[in-house]
All heavy atoms as atom14 arrays in JSON, in Angstrom:
{
  "sequence": "KSGLSIKACTHDAQIYNGLVADANDLGISVV",
  "atom14_mask": [
    [1, 1, 1, 1, 1, 1, 1, 1, 1, 0, 0, 0, 0, 0],
    [1, 1, 1, 1, 1, 1, 0, 0, 0, 0, 0, 0, 0, 0],
    [1, 1, 1, 1, 0, 0, 0, 0, 0, 0, 0, 0, 0, 0],
    [1, 1, 1, 1, 1, 1, 1, 1, 0, 0, 0, 0, 0, 0],
    [1, 1, 1, 1, 1, 1, 0, 0, 0, 0, 0, 0, 0, 0],
    [1, 1, 1, 1, 1, 1, 1, 1, 0, 0, 0, 0, 0, 0],
    [1, 1, 1, 1, 1, 1, 1, 1, 1, 0, 0, 0, 0, 0],
    [1, 1, 1, 1, 1, 0, 0, 0, 0, 0, 0, 0, 0, 0],
    [1, 1, 1, 1, 1, 1, 0, 0, 0, 0, 0, 0, 0, 0],
    [1, 1, 1, 1, 1, 1, 1, 0, 0, 0, 0, 0, 0, 0],
    [1, 1, 1, 1, 1, 1, 1, 1, 1, 1, 0, 0, 0, 0],
    [1, 1, 1, 1, 1, 1, 1, 1, 0, 0, 0, 0, 0, 0],
    [1, 1, 1, 1, 1, 0, 0, 0, 0, 0, 0, 0, 0, 0],
    [1, 1, 1, 1, 1, 1, 1, 1, 1, 0, 0, 0, 0, 0],
    [1, 1, 1, 1, 1, 1, 1, 1, 0, 0, 0, 0, 0, 0],
    [1, 1, 1, 1, 1, 1, 1, 1, 1, 1, 1, 1, 0, 0],
    [1, 1, 1, 1, 1, 1, 1, 1, 0, 0, 0, 0, 0, 0],
    [1, 1, 1, 1, 0, 0, 0, 0, 0, 0, 0, 0, 0, 0],
    [1, 1, 1, 1, 1, 1, 1, 1, 0, 0, 0, 0, 0, 0],
    [1, 1, 1, 1, 1, 1, 1, 0, 0, 0, 0, 0, 0, 0],
    [1, 1, 1, 1, 1, 0, 0, 0, 0, 0, 0, 0, 0, 0],
    [1, 1, 1, 1, 1, 1, 1, 1, 0, 0, 0, 0, 0, 0],
    [1, 1, 1, 1, 1, 0, 0, 0, 0, 0, 0, 0, 0, 0],
    [1, 1, 1, 1, 1, 1, 1, 1, 0, 0, 0, 0, 0, 0],
    [1, 1, 1, 1, 1, 1, 1, 1, 0, 0, 0, 0, 0, 0],
    [1, 1, 1, 1, 1, 1, 1, 1, 0, 0, 0, 0, 0, 0],
    [1, 1, 1, 1, 0, 0, 0, 0, 0, 0, 0, 0, 0, 0],
    [1, 1, 1, 1, 1, 1, 1, 1, 0, 0, 0, 0, 0, 0],
    [1, 1, 1, 1, 1, 1, 0, 0, 0, 0, 0, 0, 0, 0],
    [1, 1, 1, 1, 1, 1, 1, 0, 0, 0, 0, 0, 0, 0],
    [1, 1, 1, 1, 1, 1, 1, 0, 0, 0, 0, 0, 0, 0]
  ],
  "atom14_positions": [
    [[98.87, 102.09, 72.71], [98.82, 103.4, 72.07], [97.89, 104.36, 72.8], [98.14, 105.55, 72.87], [98.39, 103.25, 70.61], [99.44, 102.6, 69.72], [98.96, 102.51, 68.28], [100.04, 101.92, 67.38], [99.58, 101.8, 65.98], [0.0, 0.0, 0.0], [0.0, 0.0, 0.0], [0.0, 0.0, 0.0], [0.0, 0.0, 0.0], [0.0, 0.0, 0.0]],
    [[96.81, 103.82, 73.35], [95.83, 104.68, 74.01], [96.28, 105.1, 75.4], [95.84, 106.12, 75.93], [94.48, 103.95, 74.14], [94.56, 102.88, 75.07], [0.0, 0.0, 0.0], [0.0, 0.0, 0.0], [0.0, 0.0, 0.0], [0.0, 0.0, 0.0], [0.0, 0.0, 0.0], [0.0, 0.0, 0.0], [0.0, 0.0, 0.0], [0.0, 0.0, 0.0]],
    [[97.16, 104.3, 75.99], [97.6, 104.59, 77.36], [96.57, 104.24, 78.4], [96.74, 104.54, 79.59], [0.0, 0.0, 0.0], [0.0, 0.0, 0.0], [0.0, 0.0, 0.0], [0.0, 0.0, 0.0], [0.0, 0.0, 0.0], [0.0, 0.0, 0.0], [0.0, 0.0, 0.0], [0.0, 0.0, 0.0], [0.0, 0.0, 0.0], [0.0, 0.0, 0.0]],
    [[95.49, 103.6, 77.99], [94.43, 103.22, 78.92], [94.64, 101.79, 79.42], [95.48, 101.06, 78.92], [93.06, 103.31, 78.21], [92.69, 104.69, 77.66], [91.37, 104.6, 76.89], [92.59, 105.71, 78.79], [0.0, 0.0, 0.0], [0.0, 0.0, 0.0], [0.0, 0.0, 0.0], [0.0, 0.0, 0.0], [0.0, 0.0, 0.0], [0.0, 0.0, 0.0]],
    [[93.88, 101.41, 80.42], [93.93, 100.04, 80.92], [92.59, 99.37, 80.68], [91.57, 100.03, 80.48], [94.28, 100.01, 82.42], [93.3, 100.71, 83.16], [0.0, 0.0, 0.0], [0.0, 0.0, 0.0], [0.0, 0.0, 0.0], [0.0, 0.0, 0.0], [0.0, 0.0, 0.0], [0.0, 0.0, 0.0], [0.0, 0.0, 0.0], [0.0, 0.0, 0.0]],
    [[92.61, 98.05, 80.68], [91.38, 97.27, 80.47], [90.98, 96.64, 81.79], [91.78, 96.01, 82.47], [91.6, 96.16, 79.43], [92.0, 96.74, 78.09], [90.36, 95.3, 79.28], [92.33, 95.7, 77.05], [0.0, 0.0, 0.0], [0.0, 0.0, 0.0], [0.0, 0.0, 0.0], [0.0, 0.0, 0.0], [0.0, 0.0, 0.0], [0.0, 0.0, 0.0]],
    [[89.72, 96.81, 82.15], [89.19, 96.14, 83.33], [88.06, 95.23, 82.86], [86.93, 95.65, 82.73], [88.71, 97.14, 84.38], [89.85, 97.96, 84.98], [89.37, 98.78, 86.16], [90.52, 99.55, 86.79], [91.55, 98.69, 87.36], [0.0, 0.0, 0.0], [0.0, 0.0, 0.0], [0.0, 0.0, 0.0], [0.0, 0.0, 0.0], [0.0, 0.0, 0.0]],
    [[88.42, 93.97, 82.61], [87.47, 93.06, 81.98], [87.02, 91.92, 82.89], [86.29, 91.05, 82.46], [88.1, 92.46, 80.72], [0.0, 0.0, 0.0], [0.0, 0.0, 0.0], [0.0, 0.0, 0.0], [0.0, 0.0, 0.0], [0.0, 0.0, 0.0], [0.0, 0.0, 0.0], [0.0, 0.0, 0.0], [0.0, 0.0, 0.0], [0.0, 0.0, 0.0]],
    [[87.44, 91.92, 84.13], [87.24, 90.72, 84.95], [86.57, 91.0, 86.28], [86.89, 90.35, 87.27], [88.57, 90.02, 85.18], [89.26, 89.32, 83.69], [0.0, 0.0, 0.0], [0.0, 0.0, 0.0], [0.0, 0.0, 0.0], [0.0, 0.0, 0.0], [0.0, 0.0, 0.0], [0.0, 0.0, 0.0], [0.0, 0.0, 0.0], [0.0, 0.0, 0.0]],
    [[85.69, 91.96, 86.34], [85.05, 92.29, 87.61], [84.31, 91.11, 88.2], [84.44, 90.77, 89.37], [84.08, 93.47, 87.44], [84.77, 94.57, 86.89], [83.48, 93.86, 88.79], [0.0, 0.0, 0.0], [0.0, 0.0, 0.0], [0.0, 0.0, 0.0], [0.0, 0.0, 0.0], [0.0, 0.0, 0.0], [0.0, 0.0, 0.0], [0.0, 0.0, 0.0]],
    [[83.52, 90.43, 87.36], [82.71, 89.31, 87.85], [83.59, 88.13, 88.24], [83.48, 87.58, 89.34], [81.71, 88.88, 86.78], [80.86, 87.7, 87.19], [81.17, 86.42, 86.8], [79.76, 87.63, 87.97], [80.26, 85.59, 87.32], [79.4, 86.3, 88.02], [0.0, 0.0, 0.0], [0.0, 0.0, 0.0], [0.0, 0.0, 0.0], [0.0, 0.0, 0.0]],
    [[84.51, 87.72, 87.33], [85.37, 86.59, 87.63], [86.27, 86.86, 88.82], [86.57, 85.96, 89.6], [86.23, 86.24, 86.41], [85.44, 85.48, 85.34], [84.3, 85.08, 85.65], [85.95, 85.32, 84.22], [0.0, 0.0, 0.0], [0.0, 0.0, 0.0], [0.0, 0.0, 0.0], [0.0, 0.0, 0.0], [0.0, 0.0, 0.0], [0.0, 0.0, 0.0]],
    [[86.73, 88.11, 88.96], [87.59, 88.45, 90.09], [86.88, 88.19, 91.41], [87.48, 87.71, 92.37], [88.04, 89.9, 90.01], [0.0, 0.0, 0.0], [0.0, 0.0, 0.0], [0.0, 0.0, 0.0], [0.0, 0.0, 0.0], [0.0, 0.0, 0.0], [0.0, 0.0, 0.0], [0.0, 0.0, 0.0], [0.0, 0.0, 0.0], [0.0, 0.0, 0.0]],
    [[85.59, 88.46, 91.46], [84.82, 88.2, 92.68], [84.75, 86.71, 92.97], [84.82, 86.27, 94.13], [83.4, 88.77, 92.54], [83.36, 90.29, 92.5], [83.97, 90.92, 93.73], [83.72, 90.49, 94.85], [84.78, 91.95, 93.54], [0.0, 0.0, 0.0], [0.0, 0.0, 0.0], [0.0, 0.0, 0.0], [0.0, 0.0, 0.0], [0.0, 0.0, 0.0]],
    [[84.62, 85.9, 91.92], [84.61, 84.45, 92.1], [85.95, 83.98, 92.64], [86.03, 83.2, 93.6], [84.3, 83.74, 90.76], [82.88, 84.09, 90.31], [84.48, 82.23, 90.89], [82.54, 83.57, 88.93], [0.0, 0.0, 0.0], [0.0, 0.0, 0.0], [0.0, 0.0, 0.0], [0.0, 0.0, 0.0], [0.0, 0.0, 0.0], [0.0, 0.0, 0.0]],
    [[87.03, 84.48, 92.05], [88.36, 84.09, 92.49], [88.67, 84.59, 93.88], [89.44, 83.97, 94.62], [89.42, 84.58, 91.49], [89.32, 83.9, 90.14], [89.3, 84.65, 88.97], [89.23, 82.52, 90.04], [89.2, 84.02, 87.73], [89.12, 81.89, 88.82], [89.1, 82.66, 87.66], [89.0, 82.04, 86.44], [0.0, 0.0, 0.0], [0.0, 0.0, 0.0]],
    [[88.08, 85.73, 94.27], [88.26, 86.22, 95.63], [87.89, 85.15, 96.65], [88.61, 84.92, 97.62], [87.41, 87.47, 95.87], [88.04, 88.73, 95.32], [89.23, 88.76, 95.01], [87.24, 89.77, 95.17], [0.0, 0.0, 0.0], [0.0, 0.0, 0.0], [0.0, 0.0, 0.0], [0.0, 0.0, 0.0], [0.0, 0.0, 0.0], [0.0, 0.0, 0.0]],
    [[86.74, 84.51, 96.43], [86.29, 83.48, 97.34], [87.19, 82.26, 97.35], [87.52, 81.72, 98.41], [0.0, 0.0, 0.0], [0.0, 0.0, 0.0], [0.0, 0.0, 0.0], [0.0, 0.0, 0.0], [0.0, 0.0, 0.0], [0.0, 0.0, 0.0], [0.0, 0.0, 0.0], [0.0, 0.0, 0.0], [0.0, 0.0, 0.0], [0.0, 0.0, 0.0]],
    [[87.64, 81.85, 96.17], [88.51, 80.68, 96.07], [89.87, 80.95, 96.72], [90.4, 80.1, 97.44], [88.7, 80.31, 94.6], [87.47, 79.77, 93.88], [87.7, 79.72, 92.37], [87.1, 78.38, 94.39], [0.0, 0.0, 0.0], [0.0, 0.0, 0.0], [0.0, 0.0, 0.0], [0.0, 0.0, 0.0], [0.0, 0.0, 0.0], [0.0, 0.0, 0.0]],
    [[90.42, 82.13, 96.48], [91.72, 82.48, 97.06], [91.59, 82.65, 98.57], [92.47, 82.23, 99.33], [92.28, 83.76, 96.41], [93.56, 84.2, 97.12], [92.55, 83.52, 94.93], [0.0, 0.0, 0.0], [0.0, 0.0, 0.0], [0.0, 0.0, 0.0], [0.0, 0.0, 0.0], [0.0, 0.0, 0.0], [0.0, 0.0, 0.0], [0.0, 0.0, 0.0]],
    [[90.48, 83.22, 99.02], [90.26, 83.37, 100.46], [90.19, 82.01, 101.14], [90.74, 81.83, 102.24], [88.97, 84.15, 100.71], [0.0, 0.0, 0.0], [0.0, 0.0, 0.0], [0.0, 0.0, 0.0], [0.0, 0.0, 0.0], [0.0, 0.0, 0.0], [0.0, 0.0, 0.0], [0.0, 0.0, 0.0], [0.0, 0.0, 0.0], [0.0, 0.0, 0.0]],
    [[89.52, 81.06, 100.5], [89.45, 79.7, 101.06], [90.85, 79.1, 101.19], [91.17, 78.45, 102.19], [88.58, 78.8, 100.18], [87.11, 79.14, 100.25], [86.71, 79.85, 101.2], [86.35, 78.71, 99.36], [0.0, 0.0, 0.0], [0.0, 0.0, 0.0], [0.0, 0.0, 0.0], [0.0, 0.0, 0.0], [0.0, 0.0, 0.0], [0.0, 0.0, 0.0]],
    [[91.67, 79.32, 100.15], [93.04, 78.81, 100.19], [93.84, 79.48, 101.31], [94.54, 78.82, 102.09], [93.73, 79.02, 98.84], [0.0, 0.0, 0.0], [0.0, 0.0, 0.0], [0.0, 0.0, 0.0], [0.0, 0.0, 0.0], [0.0, 0.0, 0.0], [0.0, 0.0, 0.0], [0.0, 0.0, 0.0], [0.0, 0.0, 0.0], [0.0, 0.0, 0.0]],
    [[93.74, 80.81, 101.4], [94.45, 81.54, 102.43], [94.04, 81.1, 103.83], [94.89, 81.01, 104.73], [94.21, 83.04, 102.28], [94.93, 83.67, 101.11], [94.71, 84.84, 100.79], [95.8, 82.92, 100.43], [0.0, 0.0, 0.0], [0.0, 0.0, 0.0], [0.0, 0.0, 0.0], [0.0, 0.0, 0.0], [0.0, 0.0, 0.0], [0.0, 0.0, 0.0]],
    [[92.75, 80.83, 104.02], [92.27, 80.41, 105.33], [92.92, 79.11, 105.78], [93.03, 78.84, 106.98], [90.75, 80.23, 105.31], [90.01, 81.56, 105.26], [90.64, 82.6, 105.54], [88.81, 81.57, 104.94], [0.0, 0.0, 0.0], [0.0, 0.0, 0.0], [0.0, 0.0, 0.0], [0.0, 0.0, 0.0], [0.0, 0.0, 0.0], [0.0, 0.0, 0.0]],
    [[93.35, 78.3, 104.81], [94.02, 77.04, 105.11], [95.54, 77.19, 105.09], [96.27, 76.2, 105.14], [93.59, 75.96, 104.13], [92.13, 75.5, 104.23], [91.8, 74.52, 103.11], [91.87, 74.85, 105.59], [0.0, 0.0, 0.0], [0.0, 0.0, 0.0], [0.0, 0.0, 0.0], [0.0, 0.0, 0.0], [0.0, 0.0, 0.0], [0.0, 0.0, 0.0]],
    [[96.02, 78.43, 104.99], [97.45, 78.68, 105.01], [98.14, 78.47, 103.68], [99.34, 78.2, 103.63], [0.0, 0.0, 0.0], [0.0, 0.0, 0.0], [0.0, 0.0, 0.0], [0.0, 0.0, 0.0], [0.0, 0.0, 0.0], [0.0, 0.0, 0.0], [0.0, 0.0, 0.0], [0.0, 0.0, 0.0], [0.0, 0.0, 0.0], [0.0, 0.0, 0.0]],
    [[97.4, 78.61, 102.57], [97.97, 78.4, 101.24], [98.09, 79.74, 100.52], [97.1, 80.46, 100.35], [97.08, 77.46, 100.4], [96.88, 76.12, 101.12], [97.68, 77.24, 99.02], [95.85, 75.22, 100.45], [0.0, 0.0, 0.0], [0.0, 0.0, 0.0], [0.0, 0.0, 0.0], [0.0, 0.0, 0.0], [0.0, 0.0, 0.0], [0.0, 0.0, 0.0]],
    [[99.29, 80.08, 100.09], [99.5, 81.29, 99.28], [99.16, 80.99, 97.82], [99.35, 79.87, 97.35], [100.96, 81.75, 99.37], [101.3, 82.1, 100.7], [0.0, 0.0, 0.0], [0.0, 0.0, 0.0], [0.0, 0.0, 0.0], [0.0, 0.0, 0.0], [0.0, 0.0, 0.0], [0.0, 0.0, 0.0], [0.0, 0.0, 0.0], [0.0, 0.0, 0.0]],
    [[98.67, 82.01, 97.11], [98.32, 81.85, 95.7], [99.13, 82.86, 94.9], [98.93, 84.07, 95.02], [96.81, 82.04, 95.46], [96.5, 81.87, 93.97], [95.99, 81.06, 96.29], [0.0, 0.0, 0.0], [0.0, 0.0, 0.0], [0.0, 0.0, 0.0], [0.0, 0.0, 0.0], [0.0, 0.0, 0.0], [0.0, 0.0, 0.0], [0.0, 0.0, 0.0]],
    [[100.06, 82.36, 94.09], [100.96, 83.19, 93.29], [100.53, 83.11, 91.83], [100.33, 82.01, 91.3], [102.42, 82.72, 93.44], [103.35, 83.59, 92.61], [102.84, 82.75, 94.91], [0.0, 0.0, 0.0], [0.0, 0.0, 0.0], [0.0, 0.0, 0.0], [0.0, 0.0, 0.0], [0.0, 0.0, 0.0], [0.0, 0.0, 0.0], [0.0, 0.0, 0.0]]
  ]
}
């Protein structure tokens, strides 16, 4: 109803950035 978006995962997203980067470095896609 508000038309707004929620950004609730700034901290966790940074953690996942590292984990996904490690996977990508080994040639693993993350879907």
